[in-house]
Amino acid sequence: MRSAVFGDHEILLQTAAIERLAAAAEEMADRSIEWADFDFMLADMATQLGRVAAFFGFENNPDPLSAIASGPLMRRYSKDPNYEYSPRLREDLINQEVGLQGREIDGALAMLREAAEKSPLLARALDRAQG
């Protein structure tokens, strides 16, 4: 099933990017790699910043991390500061599009799962994304 939201070309590009990240991680098995889920980060930014800080060997001090998490850069994270794009707006837009484009999104995800049947790297990446 072709997705109306994400054309086949876009799905293939995203799939290739996911596979490349998974391959790069496997090629660096001798190194520590910490994956960060954007939605988990948004849900509890201070805690997740602490986890990332600890991974890099920095002190996990809750006060400055809480200040960073509640600061203006975390409340408004558009690539262009002229446009407001808050975590709440992001959630609202995602919910809106799931309501409007749910079947197409499900189709795109089905295409990814089908591709993962032939690609162990993609399968592992999708498993990691599922938590």
Foldseek 3Di string as FASTA:
>chain_A
DAFPVQGPVRLVVVLVVQLVVLVVCVVPVVDDDDDDDPVVCLVPVLVVVLVVCVVVPHHSDSPVSVCVCPDPCQQAPDPDVVDGDGPVNVVVVVVVCCVVRVVSVVVSVVVLVVVCVVPVSSVVSVVVNVD
